Amino acid sequence: MVETGPTAANEETYRREAMGAFAHEVRTPLTSIRMVLELARREGSGGDLVLDAELAGMLDASVDDLQHLADDLQEASRLERGRLVLNAGPCDLALAVDAARDLLSRDLELKGAVPAGIEGPWDIARVVRAIAGFTIAANRGGNGSGVVTLGVEEGVRTVCLTFTSGEPSGEPKPIAADCGFGFFRSRLFVNAMGGAVECDRRERYLSLAVTLPR
């Protein structure tokens, strides 16, 4: 495994990759909005914009995506500047995983059971978002099959969740912006809760080991 702990050089690399991921993800809704406006101009006359129900729905969805990205960036910035206080739980891990599954798209499955009774002093809202973010990142950085395997290992003082996509082969590869901004945001909040994230990325394979204190 490749340790992704908070060394100065490593954190600077992750910060650059996070900004690259954010910039890439902002372009998607912006491109959609530009396309909607162009289609609306074609439907109108004299420079007027005509939005039918379908175009209006596309515009609303794209604006919502931009708003969510802006909110996520602002929240991460507040955390880094010490202006965001995390809730201390308790958080039931099985319930958090179920809630995270509800956030995933229909074409992405987090496969694996969570033993009952695992709790910790974690901010439940941020843990839920982190689990969803790591699932998406594992799929993107792994084989992209739409199925991510979840493993849970209990310790006396910690619990470790693994998110795995694909089979390991070839040489290690670095985590980069293509894993998505959600990965970097999730990692930031796990670190803030006293946890750690380790990554093993290879060709069409990514395994994320997320350790949380109990």
N, C-alpha and C. Protein backbone atom coordinates (compact mmCIF):
# COMPACT_ATOMS: atom_id res chain seq x y z
N MET A 1 0.84 -1.19 0.00
CA MET A 1 0.00 0.00 0.00
C MET A 1 0.88 1.25 0.00
N VAL A 2 0.38 2.31 -0.54
CA VAL A 2 1.10 3.58 -0.57
C VAL A 2 0.48 4.50 0.46
N GLU A 3 1.22 4.84 1.47
CA GLU A 3 0.69 5.70 2.54
C GLU A 3 0.40 7.09 2.00
N THR A 4 -0.76 7.61 2.34
CA THR A 4 -1.13 8.97 1.91
C THR A 4 -1.27 9.87 3.11
N GLY A 5 -0.40 9.72 4.07
CA GLY A 5 -0.45 10.52 5.27
C GLY A 5 -0.08 11.97 5.00
N PRO A 6 -0.27 12.83 5.99
CA PRO A 6 -0.15 14.28 5.78
C PRO A 6 1.27 14.81 5.85
N THR A 7 2.19 14.28 4.98
CA THR A 7 3.48 14.92 4.85
C THR A 7 3.32 16.17 4.00
N ALA A 8 4.23 17.12 4.18
CA ALA A 8 4.08 18.40 3.49
C ALA A 8 4.10 18.23 1.97
N ALA A 9 5.06 17.45 1.44
CA ALA A 9 5.16 17.27 0.00
C ALA A 9 3.94 16.53 -0.54
N ASN A 10 3.52 15.51 0.19
CA ASN A 10 2.37 14.73 -0.26
C ASN A 10 1.09 15.56 -0.26
N GLU A 11 0.90 16.36 0.78
CA GLU A 11 -0.29 17.20 0.85
C GLU A 11 -0.32 18.22 -0.27
N GLU A 12 0.83 18.76 -0.65
CA GLU A 12 0.86 19.73 -1.74
C GLU A 12 0.48 19.06 -3.06
N THR A 13 0.96 17.84 -3.27
CA THR A 13 0.59 17.09 -4.48
C THR A 13 -0.90 16.84 -4.52
N TYR A 14 -1.46 16.41 -3.39
CA TYR A 14 -2.89 16.13 -3.33
C TYR A 14 -3.71 17.40 -3.53
N ARG A 15 -3.22 18.51 -3.02
CA ARG A 15 -3.96 19.77 -3.19
C ARG A 15 -4.00 20.17 -4.67
N ARG A 16 -2.89 19.99 -5.37
CA ARG A 16 -2.87 20.30 -6.80
C ARG A 16 -3.82 19.40 -7.57
N GLU A 17 -3.78 18.10 -7.26
CA GLU A 17 -4.65 17.16 -7.96
C GLU A 17 -6.12 17.43 -7.65
N ALA A 18 -6.40 17.84 -6.41
CA ALA A 18 -7.78 18.16 -6.03
C ALA A 18 -8.30 19.35 -6.84
N MET A 19 -7.47 20.38 -7.02
CA MET A 19 -7.90 21.52 -7.81
C MET A 19 -8.08 21.14 -9.28
N GLY A 20 -7.24 20.24 -9.77
CA GLY A 20 -7.40 19.76 -11.14
C GLY A 20 -8.70 19.00 -11.30
N ALA A 21 -9.04 18.18 -10.31
CA ALA A 21 -10.29 17.43 -10.35
C ALA A 21 -11.49 18.36 -10.31
N PHE A 22 -11.41 19.37 -9.45
CA PHE A 22 -12.51 20.33 -9.33
C PHE A 22 -12.71 21.08 -10.64
N ALA A 23 -11.62 21.54 -11.24
CA ALA A 23 -11.71 22.29 -12.49
C ALA A 23 -12.33 21.43 -13.59
N HIS A 24 -11.96 20.16 -13.63
CA HIS A 24 -12.51 19.25 -14.64
C HIS A 24 -14.01 19.05 -14.43
N GLU A 25 -14.42 18.87 -13.18
CA GLU A 25 -15.83 18.58 -12.91
C GLU A 25 -16.71 19.82 -13.10
N VAL A 26 -16.15 20.99 -12.92
CA VAL A 26 -16.92 22.22 -13.17
C VAL A 26 -17.24 22.36 -14.65
N ARG A 27 -16.34 21.90 -15.50
CA ARG A 27 -16.54 22.05 -16.94
C ARG A 27 -17.76 21.28 -17.44
N THR A 28 -18.08 20.15 -16.81
CA THR A 28 -19.20 19.34 -17.30
C THR A 28 -20.53 20.08 -17.23
N PRO A 29 -20.95 20.60 -16.06
CA PRO A 29 -22.20 21.36 -16.05
C PRO A 29 -22.14 22.65 -16.85
N LEU A 30 -20.97 23.30 -16.90
CA LEU A 30 -20.85 24.51 -17.70
C LEU A 30 -21.07 24.21 -19.19
N THR A 31 -20.52 23.09 -19.65
CA THR A 31 -20.72 22.69 -21.05
C THR A 31 -22.18 22.40 -21.32
N SER A 32 -22.84 21.75 -20.35
CA SER A 32 -24.26 21.45 -20.50
C SER A 32 -25.09 22.73 -20.56
N ILE A 33 -24.76 23.69 -19.70
CA ILE A 33 -25.50 24.97 -19.69
C ILE A 33 -25.31 25.69 -21.03
N ARG A 34 -24.09 25.70 -21.54
CA ARG A 34 -23.84 26.36 -22.83
C ARG A 34 -24.65 25.69 -23.95
N MET A 35 -24.73 24.36 -23.91
CA MET A 35 -25.49 23.63 -24.92
C MET A 35 -26.98 23.97 -24.82
N VAL A 36 -27.50 24.04 -23.58
CA VAL A 36 -28.91 24.38 -23.39
C VAL A 36 -29.20 25.77 -23.92
N LEU A 37 -28.34 26.72 -23.63
CA LEU A 37 -28.55 28.09 -24.11
C LEU A 37 -28.52 28.17 -25.63
N GLU A 38 -27.63 27.41 -26.24
CA GLU A 38 -27.55 27.39 -27.70
C GLU A 38 -28.83 26.81 -28.31
N LEU A 39 -29.33 25.73 -27.73
CA LEU A 39 -30.57 25.14 -28.22
C LEU A 39 -31.75 26.07 -28.00
N ALA A 40 -31.75 26.78 -26.86
CA ALA A 40 -32.83 27.71 -26.57
C ALA A 40 -32.83 28.88 -27.55
N ARG A 41 -31.66 29.32 -27.99
CA ARG A 41 -31.58 30.39 -28.99
C ARG A 41 -32.14 29.94 -30.33
N ARG A 42 -31.87 28.69 -30.69
CA ARG A 42 -32.38 28.17 -31.95
C ARG A 42 -33.91 28.09 -31.95
N GLU A 43 -34.47 27.83 -30.75
CA GLU A 43 -35.93 27.72 -30.65
C GLU A 43 -36.60 29.10 -30.66
N GLY A 44 -35.85 30.13 -30.27
CA GLY A 44 -36.41 31.47 -30.20
C GLY A 44 -36.15 32.26 -31.47
N SER A 45 -36.45 33.53 -31.41
CA SER A 45 -36.21 34.43 -32.54
C SER A 45 -35.87 35.81 -31.99
N GLY A 46 -35.08 36.53 -32.77
CA GLY A 46 -34.71 37.87 -32.35
C GLY A 46 -33.88 37.89 -31.08
N GLY A 47 -33.12 36.84 -30.87
CA GLY A 47 -32.27 36.79 -29.68
C GLY A 47 -32.96 36.27 -28.43
N ASP A 48 -34.26 35.96 -28.53
CA ASP A 48 -34.98 35.41 -27.37
C ASP A 48 -34.58 33.96 -27.13
N LEU A 49 -34.67 33.56 -25.88
CA LEU A 49 -34.42 32.18 -25.51
C LEU A 49 -35.74 31.49 -25.20
N VAL A 50 -35.93 30.32 -25.78
CA VAL A 50 -37.15 29.54 -25.54
C VAL A 50 -36.76 28.21 -24.92
N LEU A 51 -37.18 28.01 -23.68
CA LEU A 51 -36.88 26.79 -22.96
C LEU A 51 -38.13 25.93 -22.84
N ASP A 52 -38.10 24.75 -23.44
CA ASP A 52 -39.20 23.82 -23.19
C ASP A 52 -38.91 23.07 -21.89
N ALA A 53 -39.81 22.17 -21.53
CA ALA A 53 -39.67 21.47 -20.24
C ALA A 53 -38.37 20.68 -20.16
N GLU A 54 -37.99 20.05 -21.27
CA GLU A 54 -36.77 19.24 -21.27
C GLU A 54 -35.53 20.10 -21.08
N LEU A 55 -35.45 21.19 -21.82
CA LEU A 55 -34.29 22.08 -21.69
C LEU A 55 -34.24 22.74 -20.31
N ALA A 56 -35.40 23.11 -19.78
CA ALA A 56 -35.44 23.71 -18.45
C ALA A 56 -34.95 22.72 -17.40
N GLY A 57 -35.34 21.45 -17.56
CA GLY A 57 -34.88 20.43 -16.62
C GLY A 57 -33.38 20.23 -16.70
N MET A 58 -32.82 20.23 -17.92
CA MET A 58 -31.37 20.10 -18.09
C MET A 58 -30.65 21.28 -17.46
N LEU A 59 -31.21 22.47 -17.63
CA LEU A 59 -30.58 23.67 -17.06
C LEU A 59 -30.61 23.61 -15.54
N ASP A 60 -31.74 23.24 -14.97
CA ASP A 60 -31.84 23.13 -13.51
C ASP A 60 -30.84 22.12 -12.96
N ALA A 61 -30.72 20.97 -13.61
CA ALA A 61 -29.80 19.92 -13.14
C ALA A 61 -28.35 20.40 -13.19
N SER A 62 -28.00 21.12 -14.25
CA SER A 62 -26.62 21.60 -14.38
C SER A 62 -26.31 22.67 -13.34
N VAL A 63 -27.26 23.56 -13.09
CA VAL A 63 -27.07 24.58 -12.06
C VAL A 63 -26.94 23.93 -10.69
N ASP A 64 -27.75 22.90 -10.43
CA ASP A 64 -27.65 22.17 -9.16
C ASP A 64 -26.27 21.54 -9.01
N ASP A 65 -25.75 20.95 -10.10
CA ASP A 65 -24.42 20.33 -10.04
C ASP A 65 -23.36 21.38 -9.71
N LEU A 66 -23.45 22.55 -10.32
CA LEU A 66 -22.50 23.63 -10.02
C LEU A 66 -22.61 24.07 -8.57
N GLN A 67 -23.83 24.18 -8.07
CA GLN A 67 -24.03 24.59 -6.69
C GLN A 67 -23.43 23.59 -5.72
N HIS A 68 -23.63 22.31 -5.99
CA HIS A 68 -23.08 21.27 -5.11
C HIS A 68 -21.55 21.29 -5.11
N LEU A 69 -20.95 21.49 -6.29
CA LEU A 69 -19.50 21.57 -6.36
C LEU A 69 -18.98 22.78 -5.58
N ALA A 70 -19.65 23.92 -5.74
CA ALA A 70 -19.24 25.12 -5.02
C ALA A 70 -19.38 24.93 -3.51
N ASP A 71 -20.47 24.29 -3.09
CA ASP A 71 -20.68 24.04 -1.66
C ASP A 71 -19.59 23.12 -1.11
N ASP A 72 -19.24 22.08 -1.88
CA ASP A 72 -18.21 21.14 -1.43
C ASP A 72 -16.86 21.83 -1.30
N LEU A 73 -16.53 22.68 -2.27
CA LEU A 73 -15.25 23.39 -2.21
C LEU A 73 -15.22 24.34 -1.04
N GLN A 74 -16.31 25.05 -0.81
CA GLN A 74 -16.37 25.98 0.32
C GLN A 74 -16.24 25.25 1.65
N GLU A 75 -16.92 24.10 1.77
CA GLU A 75 -16.85 23.34 3.01
C GLU A 75 -15.44 22.83 3.27
N ALA A 76 -14.78 22.34 2.21
CA ALA A 76 -13.41 21.87 2.35
C ALA A 76 -12.48 23.01 2.74
N SER A 77 -12.70 24.18 2.15
CA SER A 77 -11.89 25.34 2.48
C SER A 77 -12.07 25.76 3.93
N ARG A 78 -13.31 25.75 4.40
CA ARG A 78 -13.58 26.11 5.80
C ARG A 78 -12.91 25.13 6.75
N LEU A 79 -12.92 23.86 6.39
CA LEU A 79 -12.26 22.86 7.24
C LEU A 79 -10.76 23.11 7.31
N GLU A 80 -10.15 23.36 6.17
CA GLU A 80 -8.71 23.58 6.14
C GLU A 80 -8.31 24.84 6.91
N ARG A 81 -9.20 25.83 6.95
CA ARG A 81 -8.90 27.09 7.65
C ARG A 81 -9.33 27.05 9.11
N GLY A 82 -9.80 25.89 9.57
CA GLY A 82 -10.20 25.75 10.96
C GLY A 82 -11.49 26.43 11.31
N ARG A 83 -12.35 26.66 10.34
CA ARG A 83 -13.60 27.38 10.57
C ARG A 83 -14.82 26.46 10.50
N LEU A 84 -14.57 25.17 10.48
CA LEU A 84 -15.67 24.20 10.45
C LEU A 84 -15.48 23.21 11.59
N VAL A 85 -16.49 23.08 12.43
CA VAL A 85 -16.43 22.16 13.57
C VAL A 85 -17.18 20.88 13.20
N LEU A 86 -16.52 19.75 13.34
CA LEU A 86 -17.14 18.47 13.03
C LEU A 86 -17.91 17.95 14.24
N ASN A 87 -19.03 17.30 13.96
CA ASN A 87 -19.78 16.66 15.03
C ASN A 87 -19.06 15.40 15.49
N ALA A 88 -19.18 15.08 16.76
CA ALA A 88 -18.44 13.95 17.34
C ALA A 88 -19.25 12.67 17.44
N GLY A 89 -20.30 12.55 16.62
CA GLY A 89 -21.06 11.31 16.62
C GLY A 89 -21.99 11.20 17.82
N PRO A 90 -22.36 9.97 18.21
CA PRO A 90 -21.89 8.70 17.64
C PRO A 90 -22.48 8.42 16.27
N CYS A 91 -21.76 7.62 15.49
CA CYS A 91 -22.18 7.26 14.15
C CYS A 91 -22.19 5.75 14.03
N ASP A 92 -23.32 5.19 13.59
CA ASP A 92 -23.44 3.76 13.34
C ASP A 92 -22.96 3.49 11.91
N LEU A 93 -21.94 2.65 11.78
CA LEU A 93 -21.31 2.45 10.47
C LEU A 93 -22.25 1.80 9.47
N ALA A 94 -23.02 0.81 9.89
CA ALA A 94 -23.94 0.13 8.97
C ALA A 94 -24.97 1.11 8.42
N LEU A 95 -25.50 1.97 9.28
CA LEU A 95 -26.48 2.95 8.83
C LEU A 95 -25.83 3.97 7.88
N ALA A 96 -24.59 4.33 8.17
CA ALA A 96 -23.89 5.29 7.32
C ALA A 96 -23.65 4.71 5.93
N VAL A 97 -23.29 3.43 5.86
CA VAL A 97 -23.07 2.79 4.56
C VAL A 97 -24.38 2.72 3.77
N ASP A 98 -25.46 2.37 4.44
CA ASP A 98 -26.77 2.33 3.77
C ASP A 98 -27.14 3.70 3.21
N ALA A 99 -26.89 4.74 4.00
CA ALA A 99 -27.20 6.10 3.55
C ALA A 99 -26.32 6.50 2.38
N ALA A 100 -25.05 6.07 2.39
CA ALA A 100 -24.15 6.38 1.28
C ALA A 100 -24.60 5.69 0.00
N ARG A 101 -25.09 4.48 0.13
CA ARG A 101 -25.59 3.77 -1.06
C ARG A 101 -26.73 4.54 -1.73
N ASP A 102 -27.54 5.21 -0.91
CA ASP A 102 -28.65 5.98 -1.47
C ASP A 102 -28.16 7.18 -2.28
N LEU A 103 -26.93 7.63 -2.03
CA LEU A 103 -26.38 8.77 -2.76
C LEU A 103 -25.78 8.38 -4.10
N LEU A 104 -25.52 7.09 -4.30
CA LEU A 104 -24.87 6.64 -5.52
C LEU A 104 -25.86 6.55 -6.67
N SER A 105 -25.36 6.70 -7.86
CA SER A 105 -26.20 6.56 -9.04
C SER A 105 -26.61 5.10 -9.22
N ARG A 106 -27.62 4.88 -10.03
CA ARG A 106 -28.15 3.52 -10.21
C ARG A 106 -27.16 2.57 -10.86
N ASP A 107 -26.20 3.12 -11.59
CA ASP A 107 -25.24 2.25 -12.29
C ASP A 107 -23.97 2.02 -11.48
N LEU A 108 -24.00 2.33 -10.19
CA LEU A 108 -22.85 2.09 -9.32
C LEU A 108 -23.29 1.37 -8.05
N GLU A 109 -22.68 0.22 -7.78
CA GLU A 109 -23.05 -0.60 -6.62
C GLU A 109 -21.88 -0.72 -5.65
N LEU A 110 -22.16 -0.50 -4.37
CA LEU A 110 -21.20 -0.77 -3.31
C LEU A 110 -21.59 -2.10 -2.71
N LYS A 111 -20.79 -3.13 -2.97
CA LYS A 111 -21.15 -4.50 -2.64
C LYS A 111 -20.40 -4.96 -1.40
N GLY A 112 -21.13 -5.42 -0.40
CA GLY A 112 -20.50 -5.92 0.82
C GLY A 112 -21.32 -5.58 2.04
N ALA A 113 -21.30 -6.46 3.02
CA ALA A 113 -22.09 -6.27 4.25
C ALA A 113 -21.24 -5.61 5.32
N VAL A 114 -21.92 -4.90 6.21
CA VAL A 114 -21.27 -4.26 7.35
C VAL A 114 -21.80 -4.89 8.63
N PRO A 115 -20.92 -5.44 9.48
CA PRO A 115 -21.40 -6.02 10.74
C PRO A 115 -22.15 -4.99 11.58
N ALA A 116 -23.19 -5.43 12.24
CA ALA A 116 -23.98 -4.54 13.09
C ALA A 116 -23.19 -4.17 14.35
N GLY A 117 -23.51 -3.03 14.91
CA GLY A 117 -22.95 -2.64 16.20
C GLY A 117 -21.63 -1.91 16.16
N ILE A 118 -21.14 -1.55 14.96
CA ILE A 118 -19.89 -0.79 14.87
C ILE A 118 -20.22 0.70 14.93
N GLU A 119 -19.75 1.36 15.96
CA GLU A 119 -19.98 2.79 16.13
C GLU A 119 -18.66 3.50 16.39
N GLY A 120 -18.67 4.80 16.13
CA GLY A 120 -17.48 5.59 16.40
C GLY A 120 -17.83 7.05 16.56
N PRO A 121 -16.88 7.85 17.03
CA PRO A 121 -17.11 9.28 17.26
C PRO A 121 -16.92 10.09 15.98
N TRP A 122 -17.70 9.73 14.97
CA TRP A 122 -17.52 10.35 13.65
C TRP A 122 -18.71 11.23 13.31
N ASP A 123 -18.44 12.24 12.51
CA ASP A 123 -19.48 13.12 11.99
C ASP A 123 -20.27 12.33 10.94
N ILE A 124 -21.50 11.96 11.27
CA ILE A 124 -22.23 11.02 10.41
C ILE A 124 -22.48 11.58 9.02
N ALA A 125 -22.80 12.86 8.91
CA ALA A 125 -23.07 13.44 7.58
C ALA A 125 -21.82 13.38 6.71
N ARG A 126 -20.66 13.68 7.30
CA ARG A 126 -19.42 13.66 6.53
C ARG A 126 -18.95 12.24 6.24
N VAL A 127 -19.20 11.31 7.15
CA VAL A 127 -18.85 9.92 6.89
C VAL A 127 -19.67 9.35 5.75
N VAL A 128 -20.96 9.66 5.73
CA VAL A 128 -21.82 9.20 4.64
C VAL A 128 -21.31 9.72 3.30
N ARG A 129 -21.01 11.02 3.23
CA ARG A 129 -20.50 11.60 1.99
C ARG A 129 -19.15 11.01 1.62
N ALA A 130 -18.31 10.74 2.63
CA ALA A 130 -17.00 10.18 2.36
C ALA A 130 -17.10 8.77 1.78
N ILE A 131 -17.98 7.95 2.33
CA ILE A 131 -18.16 6.59 1.82
C ILE A 131 -18.61 6.64 0.36
N ALA A 132 -19.55 7.51 0.05
CA ALA A 132 -20.00 7.66 -1.34
C ALA A 132 -18.84 8.15 -2.22
N GLY A 133 -18.08 9.12 -1.72
CA GLY A 133 -16.97 9.65 -2.49
C GLY A 133 -15.90 8.63 -2.78
N PHE A 134 -15.56 7.80 -1.79
CA PHE A 134 -14.55 6.77 -1.99
C PHE A 134 -15.05 5.68 -2.95
N THR A 135 -16.35 5.40 -2.90
CA THR A 135 -16.91 4.40 -3.82
C THR A 135 -16.78 4.88 -5.27
N ILE A 136 -17.15 6.13 -5.49
CA ILE A 136 -17.05 6.69 -6.84
C ILE A 136 -15.60 6.71 -7.31
N ALA A 137 -14.69 7.11 -6.41
CA ALA A 137 -13.27 7.19 -6.76
C ALA A 137 -12.71 5.82 -7.09
N ALA A 138 -13.07 4.80 -6.31
CA ALA A 138 -12.57 3.45 -6.56
C ALA A 138 -13.01 2.96 -7.93
N ASN A 139 -14.25 3.24 -8.28
CA ASN A 139 -14.76 2.81 -9.59
C ASN A 139 -14.05 3.54 -10.72
N ARG A 140 -13.85 4.84 -10.54
CA ARG A 140 -13.19 5.62 -11.59
C ARG A 140 -11.73 5.22 -11.76
N GLY A 141 -11.05 5.04 -10.63
CA GLY A 141 -9.63 4.72 -10.69
C GLY A 141 -9.35 3.25 -10.91
N GLY A 142 -10.39 2.41 -10.74
CA GLY A 142 -10.22 0.97 -10.92
C GLY A 142 -10.63 0.53 -12.31
N ASN A 143 -11.47 -0.53 -12.37
CA ASN A 143 -11.82 -1.07 -13.68
C ASN A 143 -13.09 -0.48 -14.27
N GLY A 144 -13.76 0.42 -13.53
CA GLY A 144 -14.93 1.09 -14.07
C GLY A 144 -16.11 0.18 -14.35
N SER A 145 -16.19 -0.95 -13.66
CA SER A 145 -17.25 -1.92 -13.91
C SER A 145 -18.59 -1.51 -13.33
N GLY A 146 -18.58 -0.54 -12.41
CA GLY A 146 -19.81 -0.16 -11.72
C GLY A 146 -20.06 -0.95 -10.46
N VAL A 147 -19.13 -1.80 -10.08
CA VAL A 147 -19.23 -2.57 -8.83
C VAL A 147 -17.97 -2.35 -8.02
N VAL A 148 -18.12 -1.84 -6.80
CA VAL A 148 -17.01 -1.65 -5.87
C VAL A 148 -17.25 -2.54 -4.67
N THR A 149 -16.22 -3.29 -4.28
CA THR A 149 -16.34 -4.21 -3.15
C THR A 149 -15.93 -3.52 -1.86
N LEU A 150 -16.79 -3.62 -0.86
CA LEU A 150 -16.52 -3.03 0.45
C LEU A 150 -16.08 -4.12 1.42
N GLY A 151 -14.99 -3.86 2.12
CA GLY A 151 -14.53 -4.73 3.19
C GLY A 151 -14.48 -3.95 4.49
N VAL A 152 -14.76 -4.61 5.60
CA VAL A 152 -14.74 -3.98 6.91
C VAL A 152 -13.93 -4.84 7.86
N GLU A 153 -12.93 -4.24 8.51
CA GLU A 153 -12.09 -4.95 9.48
C GLU A 153 -12.10 -4.18 10.79
N GLU A 154 -12.56 -4.82 11.83
CA GLU A 154 -12.64 -4.18 13.15
C GLU A 154 -11.35 -4.37 13.93
N GLY A 155 -10.94 -3.30 14.60
CA GLY A 155 -9.86 -3.37 15.55
C GLY A 155 -10.33 -2.86 16.90
N VAL A 156 -9.47 -2.94 17.90
CA VAL A 156 -9.84 -2.47 19.23
C VAL A 156 -10.05 -0.96 19.22
N ARG A 157 -9.18 -0.25 18.54
CA ARG A 157 -9.26 1.21 18.54
C ARG A 157 -9.60 1.81 17.18
N THR A 158 -9.68 1.00 16.17
CA THR A 158 -9.96 1.50 14.83
C THR A 158 -10.90 0.56 14.09
N VAL A 159 -11.46 1.06 13.01
CA VAL A 159 -12.16 0.23 12.05
C VAL A 159 -11.65 0.64 10.67
N CYS A 160 -11.39 -0.35 9.81
CA CYS A 160 -10.84 -0.09 8.49
C CYS A 160 -11.84 -0.52 7.42
N LEU A 161 -12.17 0.39 6.53
CA LEU A 161 -13.03 0.09 5.39
C LEU A 161 -12.17 0.08 4.13
N THR A 162 -12.34 -0.94 3.30
CA THR A 162 -11.63 -0.98 2.03
C THR A 162 -12.63 -0.91 0.88
N PHE A 163 -12.29 -0.10 -0.11
CA PHE A 163 -13.09 0.07 -1.31
C PHE A 163 -12.24 -0.38 -2.48
N THR A 164 -12.64 -1.47 -3.14
CA THR A 164 -11.78 -2.09 -4.14
C THR A 164 -12.51 -2.28 -5.47
N SER A 165 -11.82 -1.92 -6.55
CA SER A 165 -12.32 -2.14 -7.90
C SER A 165 -11.21 -2.72 -8.75
N GLY A 166 -11.48 -3.88 -9.37
CA GLY A 166 -10.50 -4.51 -10.23
C GLY A 166 -9.60 -5.48 -9.51
N GLU A 167 -8.62 -6.01 -10.25
CA GLU A 167 -7.64 -6.96 -9.74
C GLU A 167 -6.25 -6.37 -9.88
N PRO A 168 -5.40 -6.51 -8.84
CA PRO A 168 -4.08 -5.87 -8.89
C PRO A 168 -3.16 -6.51 -9.93
N SER A 169 -2.54 -5.66 -10.73
CA SER A 169 -1.55 -6.12 -11.70
C SER A 169 -0.72 -4.93 -12.13
N GLY A 170 0.54 -5.17 -12.46
CA GLY A 170 1.40 -4.10 -12.94
C GLY A 170 1.99 -3.26 -11.82
N GLU A 171 2.59 -2.17 -12.22
CA GLU A 171 3.29 -1.30 -11.29
C GLU A 171 2.33 -0.30 -10.63
N PRO A 172 2.68 0.14 -9.42
CA PRO A 172 1.83 1.15 -8.75
C PRO A 172 1.73 2.44 -9.56
N LYS A 173 0.57 3.07 -9.46
CA LYS A 173 0.32 4.35 -10.13
C LYS A 173 -0.15 5.37 -9.08
N PRO A 174 0.10 6.63 -9.30
CA PRO A 174 -0.33 7.64 -8.32
C PRO A 174 -1.82 7.94 -8.42
N ILE A 175 -2.38 8.37 -7.31
CA ILE A 175 -3.73 8.93 -7.31
C ILE A 175 -3.67 10.29 -8.00
N ALA A 176 -4.62 10.53 -8.90
CA ALA A 176 -4.59 11.77 -9.65
C ALA A 176 -5.99 12.35 -9.77
N ALA A 177 -6.09 13.46 -10.48
CA ALA A 177 -7.35 14.19 -10.58
C ALA A 177 -8.47 13.37 -11.19
N ASP A 178 -8.13 12.34 -12.00
CA ASP A 178 -9.17 11.55 -12.64
C ASP A 178 -10.00 10.73 -11.66
N CYS A 179 -9.55 10.62 -10.41
CA CYS A 179 -10.34 9.91 -9.39
C CYS A 179 -11.52 10.76 -8.90
N GLY A 180 -11.52 12.03 -9.24
CA GLY A 180 -12.65 12.89 -8.91
C GLY A 180 -12.43 13.72 -7.66
N PHE A 181 -13.04 14.89 -7.64
CA PHE A 181 -12.90 15.78 -6.50
C PHE A 181 -13.44 15.15 -5.22
N GLY A 182 -14.45 14.29 -5.35
CA GLY A 182 -15.03 13.64 -4.17
C GLY A 182 -14.02 12.85 -3.37
N PHE A 183 -13.03 12.24 -4.04
CA PHE A 183 -11.99 11.51 -3.32
C PHE A 183 -11.21 12.44 -2.40
N PHE A 184 -10.77 13.56 -2.94
CA PHE A 184 -9.93 14.48 -2.18
C PHE A 184 -10.71 15.11 -1.04
N ARG A 185 -11.97 15.44 -1.30
CA ARG A 185 -12.81 15.97 -0.23
C ARG A 185 -13.01 14.93 0.87
N SER A 186 -13.28 13.70 0.48
CA SER A 186 -13.51 12.63 1.46
C SER A 186 -12.26 12.38 2.29
N ARG A 187 -11.13 12.36 1.64
CA ARG A 187 -9.86 12.13 2.35
C ARG A 187 -9.60 13.25 3.36
N LEU A 188 -9.89 14.48 2.96
CA LEU A 188 -9.68 15.62 3.85
C LEU A 188 -10.49 15.46 5.13
N PHE A 189 -11.75 15.04 5.01
CA PHE A 189 -12.60 14.91 6.19
C PHE A 189 -12.22 13.70 7.03
N VAL A 190 -11.78 12.62 6.40
CA VAL A 190 -11.31 11.47 7.18
C VAL A 190 -10.09 11.85 8.00
N ASN A 191 -9.15 12.57 7.40
CA ASN A 191 -7.98 13.03 8.14
C ASN A 191 -8.38 13.93 9.30
N ALA A 192 -9.37 14.80 9.07
CA ALA A 192 -9.82 15.72 10.11
C ALA A 192 -10.46 14.98 11.28
N MET A 193 -11.04 13.81 11.03
CA MET A 193 -11.65 13.01 12.08
C MET A 193 -10.63 12.09 12.77
N GLY A 194 -9.35 12.27 12.46
CA GLY A 194 -8.31 11.47 13.08
C GLY A 194 -8.03 10.18 12.38
N GLY A 195 -8.56 10.01 11.17
CA GLY A 195 -8.35 8.79 10.41
C GLY A 195 -7.24 8.94 9.39
N ALA A 196 -7.15 7.96 8.50
CA ALA A 196 -6.12 7.96 7.47
C ALA A 196 -6.62 7.20 6.25
N VAL A 197 -6.05 7.52 5.09
CA VAL A 197 -6.41 6.85 3.85
C VAL A 197 -5.15 6.34 3.17
N GLU A 198 -5.14 5.05 2.85
CA GLU A 198 -4.04 4.46 2.10
C GLU A 198 -4.56 4.00 0.75
N CYS A 199 -3.74 4.16 -0.28
CA CYS A 199 -4.17 3.85 -1.64
C CYS A 199 -3.22 2.88 -2.32
N ASP A 200 -3.78 1.94 -3.05
CA ASP A 200 -3.00 1.05 -3.91
C ASP A 200 -3.64 1.10 -5.29
N ARG A 201 -2.99 1.82 -6.19
CA ARG A 201 -3.54 1.97 -7.54
C ARG A 201 -2.60 1.34 -8.57
N ARG A 202 -3.18 0.56 -9.44
CA ARG A 202 -2.43 -0.05 -10.53
C ARG A 202 -3.29 0.03 -11.79
N GLU A 203 -2.88 -0.64 -12.85
CA GLU A 203 -3.63 -0.59 -14.09
C GLU A 203 -5.00 -1.23 -13.90
N ARG A 204 -6.05 -0.43 -14.07
CA ARG A 204 -7.44 -0.87 -13.92
C ARG A 204 -7.70 -1.49 -12.54
N TYR A 205 -7.04 -0.94 -11.53
CA TYR A 205 -7.22 -1.44 -10.16
C TYR A 205 -6.99 -0.30 -9.19
N LEU A 206 -7.89 -0.19 -8.21
CA LEU A 206 -7.71 0.77 -7.13
C LEU A 206 -8.33 0.20 -5.86
N SER A 207 -7.55 0.21 -4.80
CA SER A 207 -8.04 -0.18 -3.48
C SER A 207 -7.73 0.95 -2.50
N LEU A 208 -8.76 1.40 -1.81
CA LEU A 208 -8.63 2.47 -0.81
C LEU A 208 -8.90 1.89 0.55
N ALA A 209 -7.94 2.00 1.45
CA ALA A 209 -8.09 1.54 2.83
C ALA A 209 -8.30 2.76 3.72
N VAL A 210 -9.49 2.87 4.28
CA VAL A 210 -9.87 4.05 5.06
C VAL A 210 -9.97 3.64 6.53
N THR A 211 -9.10 4.16 7.37
CA THR A 211 -9.08 3.84 8.79
C THR A 211 -9.69 4.97 9.59
N LEU A 212 -10.65 4.61 10.45
CA LEU A 212 -11.30 5.59 11.33
C LEU A 212 -11.07 5.19 12.79
N PRO A 213 -10.83 6.15 13.68
CA PRO A 213 -10.66 5.83 15.09
C PRO A 213 -12.00 5.50 15.73
N ARG A 214 -11.98 4.61 16.72
CA ARG A 214 -13.23 4.21 17.40
C ARG A 214 -13.32 4.88 18.76
